[in-house]
Structure formats: structure tokens, C-alpha cells
């Protein structure tokens, strides 16, 4: 638990100090390291607000970006359940 709090504080501070792509990479790492890493959603939205270009129409619309972030989060959670490398995986058929 303490590791997750430290990682969250570090992620929040680094959002304002490092380029956006470094924070995105750290957030994606956090998705795979911590279970139910909801902070990914919050950090992605904050990064989008900080570094996004001015509003325009089309795929750059905020709703599409937010939906993409949520879909990516759900996809990673789905993949985590089906990757054999994770412990306590319910998808392994030969688990005793």
C-alpha cells in the first residue's frame, strides 16, 4: 500500500516536471504493477488538460479522448486477467 501511495505522489509531481510522454510511460507501468490502478485515468486526464492543443472538432474532441483513455484502461485490465505471468490468475485452466 505504501508503495502505491509513493508512486502516486511521484507521478503527480513528475506531471509538472517532466515531459508528458515520460509520465504516460510511468502511468502505463503503474497499470501493470498495481491492481486496479485507477490513478491512470486521473493522470491521463490531467496530462490531456495540461498538454492538449486548443479545442477543435473531429477526433481531437475531448469526449473521444476520454473515451479512448477509458477503453485503454479496460483493455489493459482485460489483458491482465489473461496473461499467465500474473499471480492469482483465474484464467489458467489447469490451476489447482
PDB file of N, CA and C in Angstrom:
ATOM      1  N   UNK A   1       0.825  -1.196   0.000  1.00  0.00           N
ATOM      2  CA  UNK A   1       0.000   0.000   0.000  1.00  0.00           C
ATOM      3  C   UNK A   1       0.866   1.256   0.000  1.00  0.00           C
ATOM      4  N   UNK A   2       1.932   1.218   0.781  1.00  0.00           N
ATOM      5  CA  UNK A   2       2.796   2.396   0.866  1.00  0.00           C
ATOM      6  C   UNK A   2       3.518   2.642  -0.462  1.00  0.00           C
ATOM      7  N   UNK A   3       3.828   1.556  -1.184  1.00  0.00           N
ATOM      8  CA  UNK A   3       4.476   1.718  -2.486  1.00  0.00           C
ATOM      9  C   UNK A   3       3.550   2.437  -3.460  1.00  0.00           C
ATOM     10  N   UNK A   4       2.284   2.105  -3.392  1.00  0.00           N
ATOM     11  CA  UNK A   4       1.319   2.734  -4.307  1.00  0.00           C
ATOM     12  C   UNK A   4       1.148   4.215  -3.988  1.00  0.00           C
ATOM     13  N   UNK A   5       1.093   4.560  -2.727  1.00  0.00           N
ATOM     14  CA  UNK A   5       0.968   5.974  -2.342  1.00  0.00           C
ATOM     15  C   UNK A   5       2.206   6.742  -2.787  1.00  0.00           C
ATOM     16  N   UNK A   6       3.385   6.168  -2.572  1.00  0.00           N
ATOM     17  CA  UNK A   6       4.618   6.810  -3.014  1.00  0.00           C
ATOM     18  C   UNK A   6       4.629   6.986  -4.530  1.00  0.00           C
ATOM     19  N   UNK A   7       4.199   5.953  -5.249  1.00  0.00           N
ATOM     20  CA  UNK A   7       4.153   6.029  -6.715  1.00  0.00           C
ATOM     21  C   UNK A   7       3.163   7.104  -7.172  1.00  0.00           C
ATOM     22  N   UNK A   8       2.030   7.226  -6.487  1.00  0.00           N
ATOM     23  CA  UNK A   8       1.042   8.248  -6.843  1.00  0.00           C
ATOM     24  C   UNK A   8       1.579   9.660  -6.635  1.00  0.00           C
ATOM     25  N   UNK A   9       2.241   9.870  -5.509  1.00  0.00           N
ATOM     26  CA  UNK A   9       2.815  11.184  -5.234  1.00  0.00           C
ATOM     27  C   UNK A   9       3.912  11.509  -6.237  1.00  0.00           C
ATOM     28  N   UNK A  10       4.753  10.525  -6.531  1.00  0.00           N
ATOM     29  CA  UNK A  10       5.807  10.714  -7.521  1.00  0.00           C
ATOM     30  C   UNK A  10       5.223  11.039  -8.893  1.00  0.00           C
ATOM     31  N   UNK A  11       4.176  10.334  -9.276  1.00  0.00           N
ATOM     32  CA  UNK A  11       3.529  10.564 -10.562  1.00  0.00           C
ATOM     33  C   UNK A  11       2.941  11.973 -10.631  1.00  0.00           C
ATOM     34  N   UNK A  12       2.320  12.412  -9.545  1.00  0.00           N
ATOM     35  CA  UNK A  12       1.735  13.751  -9.518  1.00  0.00           C
ATOM     36  C   UNK A  12       2.800  14.838  -9.635  1.00  0.00           C
ATOM     37  N   UNK A  13       3.900  14.677  -8.944  1.00  0.00           N
ATOM     38  CA  UNK A  13       4.977  15.673  -9.008  1.00  0.00           C
ATOM     39  C   UNK A  13       5.629  15.672 -10.390  1.00  0.00           C
ATOM     40  N   UNK A  14       5.848  14.494 -10.944  1.00  0.00           N
ATOM     41  CA  UNK A  14       6.511  14.401 -12.237  1.00  0.00           C
ATOM     42  C   UNK A  14       5.647  14.914 -13.387  1.00  0.00           C
ATOM     43  N   UNK A  15       4.333  14.974 -13.182  1.00  0.00           N
ATOM     44  CA  UNK A  15       3.454  15.538 -14.217  1.00  0.00           C
ATOM     45  C   UNK A  15       3.822  16.972 -14.554  1.00  0.00           C
ATOM     46  N   UNK A  16       4.317  17.684 -13.559  1.00  0.00           N
ATOM     47  CA  UNK A  16       4.638  19.095 -13.752  1.00  0.00           C
ATOM     48  C   UNK A  16       6.115  19.332 -14.038  1.00  0.00           C
ATOM     49  N   UNK A  17       6.943  18.309 -13.878  1.00  0.00           N
ATOM     50  CA  UNK A  17       8.384  18.492 -14.057  1.00  0.00           C
ATOM     51  C   UNK A  17       8.949  17.851 -15.317  1.00  0.00           C
ATOM     52  N   UNK A  18       8.351  16.751 -15.758  1.00  0.00           N
ATOM     53  CA  UNK A  18       8.889  16.011 -16.895  1.00  0.00           C
ATOM     54  C   UNK A  18       7.977  16.133 -18.106  1.00  0.00           C
ATOM     55  N   UNK A  19       8.479  15.782 -19.277  1.00  0.00           N
ATOM     56  CA  UNK A  19       7.626  15.789 -20.474  1.00  0.00           C
ATOM     57  C   UNK A  19       6.460  14.813 -20.317  1.00  0.00           C
ATOM     58  N   UNK A  20       5.416  15.045 -21.081  1.00  0.00           N
ATOM     59  CA  UNK A  20       4.197  14.252 -20.944  1.00  0.00           C
ATOM     60  C   UNK A  20       4.410  12.781 -21.248  1.00  0.00           C
ATOM     61  N   UNK A  21       5.302  12.483 -22.197  1.00  0.00           N
ATOM     62  CA  UNK A  21       5.481  11.091 -22.606  1.00  0.00           C
ATOM     63  C   UNK A  21       6.144  10.261 -21.516  1.00  0.00           C
ATOM     64  N   UNK A  22       6.956  10.880 -20.662  1.00  0.00           N
ATOM     65  CA  UNK A  22       7.572  10.159 -19.545  1.00  0.00           C
ATOM     66  C   UNK A  22       6.497   9.780 -18.524  1.00  0.00           C
ATOM     67  N   UNK A  23       5.596  10.708 -18.252  1.00  0.00           N
ATOM     68  CA  UNK A  23       4.523  10.450 -17.282  1.00  0.00           C
ATOM     69  C   UNK A  23       3.549   9.404 -17.824  1.00  0.00           C
ATOM     70  N   UNK A  24       3.277   9.445 -19.110  1.00  0.00           N
ATOM     71  CA  UNK A  24       2.412   8.425 -19.709  1.00  0.00           C
ATOM     72  C   UNK A  24       3.058   7.051 -19.589  1.00  0.00           C
ATOM     73  N   UNK A  25       4.356   6.969 -19.834  1.00  0.00           N
ATOM     74  CA  UNK A  25       5.062   5.685 -19.706  1.00  0.00           C
ATOM     75  C   UNK A  25       5.008   5.177 -18.262  1.00  0.00           C
ATOM     76  N   UNK A  26       5.205   6.067 -17.297  1.00  0.00           N
ATOM     77  CA  UNK A  26       5.121   5.666 -15.896  1.00  0.00           C
ATOM     78  C   UNK A  26       3.709   5.235 -15.517  1.00  0.00           C
ATOM     79  N   UNK A  27       2.720   5.900 -16.067  1.00  0.00           N
ATOM     80  CA  UNK A  27       1.333   5.522 -15.788  1.00  0.00           C
ATOM     81  C   UNK A  27       1.020   4.136 -16.344  1.00  0.00           C
ATOM     82  N   UNK A  28       1.519   3.840 -17.532  1.00  0.00           N
ATOM     83  CA  UNK A  28       1.288   2.523 -18.125  1.00  0.00           C
ATOM     84  C   UNK A  28       2.016   1.442 -17.323  1.00  0.00           C
ATOM     85  N   UNK A  29       3.197   1.752 -16.835  1.00  0.00           N
ATOM     86  CA  UNK A  29       3.900   0.815 -15.963  1.00  0.00           C
ATOM     87  C   UNK A  29       3.090   0.575 -14.691  1.00  0.00           C
ATOM     88  N   UNK A  30       2.523   1.642 -14.146  1.00  0.00           N
ATOM     89  CA  UNK A  30       1.681   1.512 -12.957  1.00  0.00           C
ATOM     90  C   UNK A  30       0.459   0.646 -13.195  1.00  0.00           C
ATOM     91  N   UNK A  31      -0.069   0.680 -14.417  1.00  0.00           N
ATOM     92  CA  UNK A  31      -1.206  -0.176 -14.760  1.00  0.00           C
ATOM     93  C   UNK A  31      -0.864  -1.654 -14.602  1.00  0.00           C
ATOM     94  N   UNK A  32       0.349  -2.025 -14.971  1.00  0.00           N
ATOM     95  CA  UNK A  32       0.739  -3.421 -14.911  1.00  0.00           C
ATOM     96  C   UNK A  32       1.284  -3.831 -13.545  1.00  0.00           C
ATOM     97  N   UNK A  33       1.777  -2.870 -12.777  1.00  0.00           N
ATOM     98  CA  UNK A  33       2.366  -3.197 -11.484  1.00  0.00           C
ATOM     99  C   UNK A  33       1.308  -3.273 -10.385  1.00  0.00           C
ATOM    100  N   UNK A  34       0.363  -2.334 -10.370  1.00  0.00           N
ATOM    101  CA  UNK A  34      -0.623  -2.256  -9.306  1.00  0.00           C
ATOM    102  C   UNK A  34      -1.981  -2.747  -9.781  1.00  0.00           C
ATOM    103  N   UNK A  35      -2.696  -3.392  -8.888  1.00  0.00           N
ATOM    104  CA  UNK A  35      -4.030  -3.881  -9.196  1.00  0.00           C
ATOM    105  C   UNK A  35      -5.018  -2.723  -9.130  1.00  0.00           C
ATOM    106  N   UNK A  36      -5.911  -2.643 -10.115  1.00  0.00           N
ATOM    107  CA  UNK A  36      -6.928  -1.581 -10.200  1.00  0.00           C
ATOM    108  C   UNK A  36      -6.302  -0.192 -10.052  1.00  0.00           C
ATOM    109  N   UNK A  37      -5.406   0.113 -10.926  1.00  0.00           N
ATOM    110  CA  UNK A  37      -4.680   1.401 -10.880  1.00  0.00           C
ATOM    111  C   UNK A  37      -5.543   2.490 -11.508  1.00  0.00           C
ATOM    112  N   UNK A  38      -6.532   2.957 -10.727  1.00  0.00           N
ATOM    113  CA  UNK A  38      -7.447   3.983 -11.213  1.00  0.00           C
ATOM    114  C   UNK A  38      -6.762   5.334 -11.394  1.00  0.00           C
ATOM    115  N   UNK A  39      -5.624   5.498 -10.791  1.00  0.00           N
ATOM    116  CA  UNK A  39      -4.887   6.750 -10.933  1.00  0.00           C
ATOM    117  C   UNK A  39      -4.458   6.985 -12.373  1.00  0.00           C
ATOM    118  N   UNK A  40      -4.402   5.911 -13.155  1.00  0.00           N
ATOM    119  CA  UNK A  40      -4.083   6.055 -14.580  1.00  0.00           C
ATOM    120  C   UNK A  40      -5.107   6.950 -15.263  1.00  0.00           C
ATOM    121  N   UNK A  41      -6.376   6.739 -14.948  1.00  0.00           N
ATOM    122  CA  UNK A  41      -7.426   7.559 -15.559  1.00  0.00           C
ATOM    123  C   UNK A  41      -7.251   9.022 -15.179  1.00  0.00           C
ATOM    124  N   UNK A  42      -7.032   9.276 -13.903  1.00  0.00           N
ATOM    125  CA  UNK A  42      -6.873  10.654 -13.433  1.00  0.00           C
ATOM    126  C   UNK A  42      -5.623  11.307 -14.018  1.00  0.00           C
ATOM    127  N   UNK A  43      -4.511  10.580 -14.015  1.00  0.00           N
ATOM    128  CA  UNK A  43      -3.282  11.172 -14.549  1.00  0.00           C
ATOM    129  C   UNK A  43      -3.385  11.423 -16.049  1.00  0.00           C
ATOM    130  N   UNK A  44      -4.061  10.534 -16.769  1.00  0.00           N
ATOM    131  CA  UNK A  44      -4.221  10.742 -18.206  1.00  0.00           C
ATOM    132  C   UNK A  44      -5.078  11.965 -18.507  1.00  0.00           C
ATOM    133  N   UNK A  45      -6.113  12.148 -17.736  1.00  0.00           N
ATOM    134  CA  UNK A  45      -6.971  13.318 -17.944  1.00  0.00           C
ATOM    135  C   UNK A  45      -6.238  14.599 -17.585  1.00  0.00           C
ATOM    136  N   UNK A  46      -5.463  14.585 -16.511  1.00  0.00           N
ATOM    137  CA  UNK A  46      -4.687  15.777 -16.140  1.00  0.00           C
ATOM    138  C   UNK A  46      -3.645  16.098 -17.209  1.00  0.00           C
ATOM    139  N   UNK A  47      -2.967  15.091 -17.721  1.00  0.00           N
ATOM    140  CA  UNK A  47      -1.978  15.320 -18.780  1.00  0.00           C
ATOM    141  C   UNK A  47      -2.649  15.875 -20.029  1.00  0.00           C
ATOM    142  N   UNK A  48      -3.818  15.350 -20.363  1.00  0.00           N
ATOM    143  CA  UNK A  48      -4.533  15.861 -21.532  1.00  0.00           C
ATOM    144  C   UNK A  48      -4.923  17.325 -21.329  1.00  0.00           C
ATOM    145  N   UNK A  49      -5.362  17.668 -20.148  1.00  0.00           N
ATOM    146  CA  UNK A  49      -5.739  19.055 -19.868  1.00  0.00           C
ATOM    147  C   UNK A  49      -4.520  19.970 -19.937  1.00  0.00           C
ATOM    148  N   UNK A  50      -3.392  19.509 -19.418  1.00  0.00           N
ATOM    149  CA  UNK A  50      -2.188  20.345 -19.399  1.00  0.00           C
ATOM    150  C   UNK A  50      -1.548  20.526 -20.772  1.00  0.00           C
ATOM    151  N   UNK A  51      -1.505  19.470 -21.567  1.00  0.00           N
ATOM    152  CA  UNK A  51      -0.708  19.489 -22.787  1.00  0.00           C
ATOM    153  C   UNK A  51      -1.508  19.435 -24.086  1.00  0.00           C
ATOM    154  N   UNK A  52      -2.822  19.486 -24.015  1.00  0.00           N
ATOM    155  CA  UNK A  52      -3.612  19.355 -25.239  1.00  0.00           C
ATOM    156  C   UNK A  52      -3.636  20.660 -26.032  1.00  0.00           C
ATOM    157  N   UNK A  53      -3.789  20.542 -27.340  1.00  0.00           N
ATOM    158  CA  UNK A  53      -3.941  21.748 -28.154  1.00  0.00           C
ATOM    159  C   UNK A  53      -5.318  22.360 -27.920  1.00  0.00           C
ATOM    160  N   UNK A  54      -5.545  23.550 -28.416  1.00  0.00           N
ATOM    161  CA  UNK A  54      -6.872  24.151 -28.262  1.00  0.00           C
ATOM    162  C   UNK A  54      -7.959  23.264 -28.869  1.00  0.00           C
ATOM    163  N   UNK A  55      -9.133  23.375 -28.328  1.00  0.00           N
ATOM    164  CA  UNK A  55     -10.249  22.534 -28.775  1.00  0.00           C
ATOM    165  C   UNK A  55     -10.519  22.704 -30.259  1.00  0.00           C
ATOM    166  N   UNK A  56     -10.847  21.600 -30.865  1.00  0.00           N
ATOM    167  CA  UNK A  56     -11.265  21.617 -32.257  1.00  0.00           C
ATOM    168  C   UNK A  56     -12.257  20.481 -32.443  1.00  0.00           C
ATOM    169  N   UNK A  57     -12.793  20.371 -33.626  1.00  0.00           N
ATOM    170  CA  UNK A  57     -13.769  19.337 -33.908  1.00  0.00           C
ATOM    171  C   UNK A  57     -13.070  18.094 -34.440  1.00  0.00           C
ATOM    172  N   UNK A  58     -13.809  17.004 -34.498  1.00  0.00           N
ATOM    173  CA  UNK A  58     -13.255  15.768 -35.022  1.00  0.00           C
ATOM    174  C   UNK A  58     -12.724  14.882 -33.922  1.00  0.00           C
ATOM    175  N   UNK A  59     -11.654  14.143 -34.208  1.00  0.00           N
ATOM    176  CA  UNK A  59     -11.100  13.208 -33.244  1.00  0.00           C
ATOM    177  C   UNK A  59     -10.352  13.883 -32.108  1.00  0.00           C
ATOM    178  N   UNK A  60     -10.102  15.159 -32.211  1.00  0.00           N
ATOM    179  CA  UNK A  60      -9.420  15.884 -31.153  1.00  0.00           C
ATOM    180  C   UNK A  60     -10.405  16.358 -30.081  1.00  0.00           C
ATOM    181  N   UNK A  61     -11.668  16.034 -30.236  1.00  0.00           N
ATOM    182  CA  UNK A  61     -12.672  16.425 -29.276  1.00  0.00           C
ATOM    183  C   UNK A  61     -12.416  15.720 -27.938  1.00  0.00           C
ATOM    184  N   UNK A  62     -12.670  16.391 -26.833  1.00  0.00           N
ATOM    185  CA  UNK A  62     -12.380  15.864 -25.502  1.00  0.00           C
ATOM    186  C   UNK A  62     -13.108  14.561 -25.212  1.00  0.00           C
ATOM    187  N   UNK A  63     -14.325  14.427 -25.675  1.00  0.00           N
ATOM    188  CA  UNK A  63     -15.097  13.226 -25.382  1.00  0.00           C
ATOM    189  C   UNK A  63     -14.423  11.999 -25.987  1.00  0.00           C
ATOM    190  N   UNK A  64     -13.898  12.108 -27.195  1.00  0.00           N
ATOM    191  CA  UNK A  64     -13.214  10.985 -27.819  1.00  0.00           C
ATOM    192  C   UNK A  64     -11.927  10.630 -27.070  1.00  0.00           C
ATOM    193  N   UNK A  65     -11.229  11.625 -26.592  1.00  0.00           N
ATOM    194  CA  UNK A  65     -10.003  11.378 -25.841  1.00  0.00           C
ATOM    195  C   UNK A  65     -10.328  10.654 -24.535  1.00  0.00           C
ATOM    196  N   UNK A  66     -11.339  11.125 -23.805  1.00  0.00           N
ATOM    197  CA  UNK A  66     -11.714  10.497 -22.543  1.00  0.00           C
ATOM    198  C   UNK A  66     -12.205   9.078 -22.758  1.00  0.00           C
ATOM    199  N   UNK A  67     -12.981   8.861 -23.803  1.00  0.00           N
ATOM    200  CA  UNK A  67     -13.443   7.508 -24.114  1.00  0.00           C
ATOM    201  C   UNK A  67     -12.270   6.595 -24.477  1.00  0.00           C
ATOM    202  N   UNK A  68     -11.315   7.134 -25.207  1.00  0.00           N
ATOM    203  CA  UNK A  68     -10.126   6.359 -25.555  1.00  0.00           C
ATOM    204  C   UNK A  68      -9.317   5.970 -24.320  1.00  0.00           C
ATOM    205  N   UNK A  69      -9.204   6.875 -23.370  1.00  0.00           N
ATOM    206  CA  UNK A  69      -8.483   6.588 -22.131  1.00  0.00           C
ATOM    207  C   UNK A  69      -9.196   5.480 -21.357  1.00  0.00           C
ATOM    208  N   UNK A  70     -10.501   5.576 -21.255  1.00  0.00           N
ATOM    209  CA  UNK A  70     -11.267   4.568 -20.516  1.00  0.00           C
ATOM    210  C   UNK A  70     -11.208   3.214 -21.217  1.00  0.00           C
ATOM    211  N   UNK A  71     -11.323   3.211 -22.536  1.00  0.00           N
ATOM    212  CA  UNK A  71     -11.251   1.950 -23.285  1.00  0.00           C
ATOM    213  C   UNK A  71      -9.870   1.318 -23.139  1.00  0.00           C
ATOM    214  N   UNK A  72      -8.812   2.132 -23.180  1.00  0.00           N
ATOM    215  CA  UNK A  72      -7.462   1.606 -22.999  1.00  0.00           C
ATOM    216  C   UNK A  72      -7.306   0.994 -21.609  1.00  0.00           C
ATOM    217  N   UNK A  73      -7.826   1.660 -20.588  1.00  0.00           N
ATOM    218  CA  UNK A  73      -7.753   1.140 -19.217  1.00  0.00           C
ATOM    219  C   UNK A  73      -8.478  -0.199 -19.117  1.00  0.00           C
ATOM    220  N   UNK A  74      -9.684  -0.276 -19.670  1.00  0.00           N
ATOM    221  CA  UNK A  74     -10.448  -1.520 -19.608  1.00  0.00           C
ATOM    222  C   UNK A  74      -9.763  -2.638 -20.396  1.00  0.00           C
ATOM    223  N   UNK A  75      -9.150  -2.296 -21.522  1.00  0.00           N
ATOM    224  CA  UNK A  75      -8.426  -3.281 -22.319  1.00  0.00           C
ATOM    225  C   UNK A  75      -7.239  -3.853 -21.546  1.00  0.00           C
ATOM    226  N   UNK A  76      -6.499  -2.993 -20.878  1.00  0.00           N
ATOM    227  CA  UNK A  76      -5.351  -3.465 -20.097  1.00  0.00           C
ATOM    228  C   UNK A  76      -5.823  -4.344 -18.944  1.00  0.00           C
ATOM    229  N   UNK A  77      -6.917  -3.968 -18.284  1.00  0.00           N
ATOM    230  CA  UNK A  77      -7.442  -4.801 -17.202  1.00  0.00           C
ATOM    231  C   UNK A  77      -7.876  -6.168 -17.729  1.00  0.00           C
ATOM    232  N   UNK A  78      -8.481  -6.197 -18.901  1.00  0.00           N
ATOM    233  CA  UNK A  78      -8.879  -7.462 -19.514  1.00  0.00           C
ATOM    234  C   UNK A  78      -7.652  -8.320 -19.842  1.00  0.00           C
ATOM    235  N   UNK A  79      -6.633  -7.694 -20.415  1.00  0.00           N
ATOM    236  CA  UNK A  79      -5.425  -8.431 -20.773  1.00  0.00           C
ATOM    237  C   UNK A  79      -4.689  -8.955 -19.549  1.00  0.00           C
ATOM    238  N   UNK A  80      -4.725  -8.197 -18.458  1.00  0.00           N
ATOM    239  CA  UNK A  80      -4.067  -8.646 -17.233  1.00  0.00           C
ATOM    240  C   UNK A  80      -4.669  -9.944 -16.731  1.00  0.00           C
ATOM    241  N   UNK A  81      -5.963 -10.098 -16.901  1.00  0.00           N
ATOM    242  CA  UNK A  81      -6.617 -11.323 -16.435  1.00  0.00           C
ATOM    243  C   UNK A  81      -6.228 -12.536 -17.273  1.00  0.00           C
ATOM    244  N   UNK A  82      -5.774 -12.295 -18.492  1.00  0.00           N
ATOM    245  CA  UNK A  82      -5.479 -13.402 -19.395  1.00  0.00           C
ATOM    246  C   UNK A  82      -3.991 -13.628 -19.638  1.00  0.00           C
ATOM    247  N   UNK A  83      -3.148 -12.906 -18.956  1.00  0.00           N
ATOM    248  CA  UNK A  83      -1.710 -13.105 -19.071  1.00  0.00           C
ATOM    249  C   UNK A  83      -1.280 -14.066 -17.974  1.00  0.00           C
ATOM    250  N   UNK A  84      -0.553 -15.089 -18.334  1.00  0.00           N
ATOM    251  CA  UNK A  84      -0.184 -16.143 -17.397  1.00  0.00           C
ATOM    252  C   UNK A  84       0.842 -15.650 -16.379  1.00  0.00           C
ATOM    253  N   UNK A  85       1.581 -14.614 -16.679  1.00  0.00           N
ATOM    254  CA  UNK A  85       2.650 -14.154 -15.797  1.00  0.00           C
ATOM    255  C   UNK A  85       2.147 -13.601 -14.471  1.00  0.00           C
ATOM    256  N   UNK A  86       0.892 -13.213 -14.370  1.00  0.00           N
ATOM    257  CA  UNK A  86       0.368 -12.635 -13.146  1.00  0.00           C
ATOM    258  C   UNK A  86      -0.076 -13.717 -12.179  1.00  0.00           C
ATOM    259  N   UNK A  87       0.148 -13.489 -10.914  1.00  0.00           N
ATOM    260  CA  UNK A  87      -0.270 -14.432  -9.885  1.00  0.00           C
ATOM    261  C   UNK A  87      -1.775 -14.313  -9.659  1.00  0.00           C
ATOM    262  N   UNK A  88      -2.364 -15.357  -9.121  1.00  0.00           N
ATOM    263  CA  UNK A  88      -3.800 -15.403  -8.833  1.00  0.00           C
ATOM    264  C   UNK A  88      -4.625 -15.188 -10.082  1.00  0.00           C
ATOM    265  N   UNK A  89      -4.205 -15.773 -11.151  1.00  0.00           N
ATOM    266  CA  UNK A  89      -4.893 -15.618 -12.429  1.00  0.00           C
ATOM    267  C   UNK A  89      -5.991 -16.661 -12.526  1.00  0.00           C
ATOM    268  N   UNK A  90      -7.228 -16.241 -12.650  1.00  0.00           N
ATOM    269  CA  UNK A  90      -8.354 -17.167 -12.732  1.00  0.00           C
ATOM    270  C   UNK A  90      -8.521 -17.757 -14.127  1.00  0.00           C
ATOM    271  N   UNK A  91      -7.801 -17.262 -15.114  1.00  0.00           N
ATOM    272  CA  UNK A  91      -7.967 -17.734 -16.478  1.00  0.00           C
ATOM    273  C   UNK A  91      -7.161 -18.983 -16.787  1.00  0.00           C
ATOM    274  N   UNK A  92      -6.319 -19.431 -15.860  1.00  0.00           N
ATOM    275  CA  UNK A  92      -5.494 -20.609 -16.102  1.00  0.00           C
ATOM    276  C   UNK A  92      -6.357 -21.854 -15.877  1.00  0.00           C
ATOM    277  N   UNK A  93      -6.566 -22.666 -16.896  1.00  0.00           N
ATOM    278  CA  UNK A  93      -7.474 -23.800 -16.748  1.00  0.00           C
ATOM    279  C   UNK A  93      -6.928 -24.923 -15.872  1.00  0.00           C
ATOM    280  N   UNK A  94      -5.605 -25.092 -15.779  1.00  0.00           N
ATOM    281  CA  UNK A  94      -5.020 -26.185 -15.041  1.00  0.00           C
ATOM    282  C   UNK A  94      -4.657 -25.803 -13.606  1.00  0.00           C
ATOM    283  N   UNK A  95      -5.142 -24.677 -13.144  1.00  0.00           N
ATOM    284  CA  UNK A  95      -4.835 -24.215 -11.792  1.00  0.00           C
ATOM    285  C   UNK A  95      -5.541 -25.115 -10.775  1.00  0.00           C
ATOM    286  N   UNK A  96      -4.797 -25.540  -9.749  1.00  0.00           N
ATOM    287  CA  UNK A  96      -5.402 -26.423  -8.751  1.00  0.00           C
ATOM    288  C   UNK A  96      -5.690 -25.700  -7.456  1.00  0.00           C
TER     289      UNK A  96
END
